[in-house]
Amino acid sequence: MNARNDVKRLSDQSLDARLVLAAAQLRFAARVDFLVARWLERCATNVEEAQRLFKTDRKPVRKFGMGVSRVACNSSRSEAS
């Protein structure tokens, strides 16, 4: 009987498993939040870099008809010579 009472007393004094689990869940959620925030930050940086690379401040592209006629003329000249 005494042994059973001793075991009961030890478990009463130890940390409540629910509190330990809740603390672990909070730490895990905080870590996941941190990692997701860092990943989103990297994605945003990549998007900004891509936008800088592909800015549309270049000269406008010529009309389709003009480019085709020049190509056709150039190819016919090269075949004739």
Protein backbone atom coordinates (compact mmCIF):
# COMPACT_ATOMS: atom_id res chain seq x y z
CA MET A 1 0.00 0.00 0.00
CA ASN A 2 2.75 2.39 0.82
CA ALA A 3 4.35 1.98 -2.60
CA ARG A 4 1.14 2.94 -4.34
CA ASN A 5 0.78 6.05 -2.22
CA ASP A 6 4.37 7.07 -3.00
CA VAL A 7 3.77 6.76 -6.74
CA LYS A 8 0.63 8.83 -6.49
CA ARG A 9 2.44 11.56 -4.58
CA LEU A 10 5.25 11.71 -7.16
CA SER A 11 2.84 12.10 -10.04
CA ASP A 12 0.99 14.87 -8.21
CA GLN A 13 4.24 16.76 -7.76
CA SER A 14 5.46 16.31 -11.35
CA LEU A 15 4.49 18.68 -14.15
CA ASP A 16 1.05 18.26 -15.57
CA ALA A 17 1.37 16.53 -18.96
CA ARG A 18 -1.30 18.77 -20.45
CA LEU A 19 0.69 21.90 -19.60
CA VAL A 20 3.85 20.41 -21.08
CA LEU A 21 1.98 19.45 -24.25
CA ALA A 22 0.40 22.90 -24.53
CA ALA A 23 3.79 24.58 -24.15
CA ALA A 24 5.29 22.30 -26.80
CA GLN A 25 2.44 23.08 -29.17
CA LEU A 26 2.96 26.82 -28.68
CA ARG A 27 6.69 26.51 -29.34
CA PHE A 28 6.01 24.42 -32.44
CA ALA A 29 3.43 26.91 -33.75
CA ALA A 30 5.81 29.82 -33.15
CA ARG A 31 8.58 28.00 -35.04
CA VAL A 32 6.27 27.23 -37.96
CA ASP A 33 5.13 30.88 -38.05
CA PHE A 34 8.75 32.03 -38.11
CA LEU A 35 9.68 29.64 -40.93
CA VAL A 36 6.64 30.57 -43.03
CA ALA A 37 7.34 34.28 -42.56
CA ARG A 38 10.96 33.79 -43.66
CA TRP A 39 9.84 31.77 -46.69
CA LEU A 40 7.31 34.46 -47.70
CA GLU A 41 10.01 37.09 -47.32
CA ARG A 42 12.25 35.15 -49.71
CA CYS A 43 9.39 34.78 -52.20
CA ALA A 44 8.73 38.53 -52.10
CA THR A 45 12.43 39.23 -52.68
CA ASN A 46 12.47 36.86 -55.65
CA VAL A 47 9.42 38.55 -57.15
CA GLU A 48 11.00 41.98 -56.76
CA GLU A 49 14.19 40.77 -58.45
CA ALA A 50 12.22 39.21 -61.30
CA GLN A 51 10.27 42.42 -61.80
CA ARG A 52 13.52 44.37 -61.98
CA LEU A 53 14.91 41.95 -64.56
CA PHE A 54 11.86 41.98 -66.80
CA LYS A 55 10.94 45.66 -66.67
CA THR A 56 9.11 46.80 -69.78
CA ASP A 57 11.05 50.04 -70.23
CA ARG A 58 12.64 48.70 -73.42
CA LYS A 59 11.83 50.01 -76.88
CA PRO A 60 8.42 48.91 -78.15
CA VAL A 61 8.43 45.91 -80.49
CA ARG A 62 7.81 46.67 -84.18
CA LYS A 63 4.52 45.80 -85.76
CA PHE A 64 4.15 42.22 -86.92
CA GLY A 65 3.77 43.06 -90.63
CA MET A 66 6.95 45.11 -90.86
CA GLY A 67 9.13 42.43 -89.32
CA VAL A 68 7.76 39.71 -91.58
CA SER A 69 8.25 41.67 -94.80
CA ARG A 70 11.85 42.45 -93.93
CA VAL A 71 12.60 38.83 -93.13
CA ALA A 72 11.00 37.71 -96.39
CA CYS A 73 13.00 40.29 -98.38
CA ASN A 74 16.25 39.32 -96.70
CA SER A 75 15.70 35.63 -97.35
CA SER A 76 14.83 36.18 -101.01
CA ARG A 77 17.98 38.32 -101.50
CA SER A 78 20.19 35.67 -99.93
CA GLU A 79 18.69 32.99 -102.19
CA ALA A 80 19.11 35.11 -105.34
CA SER A 81 22.83 35.72 -104.75
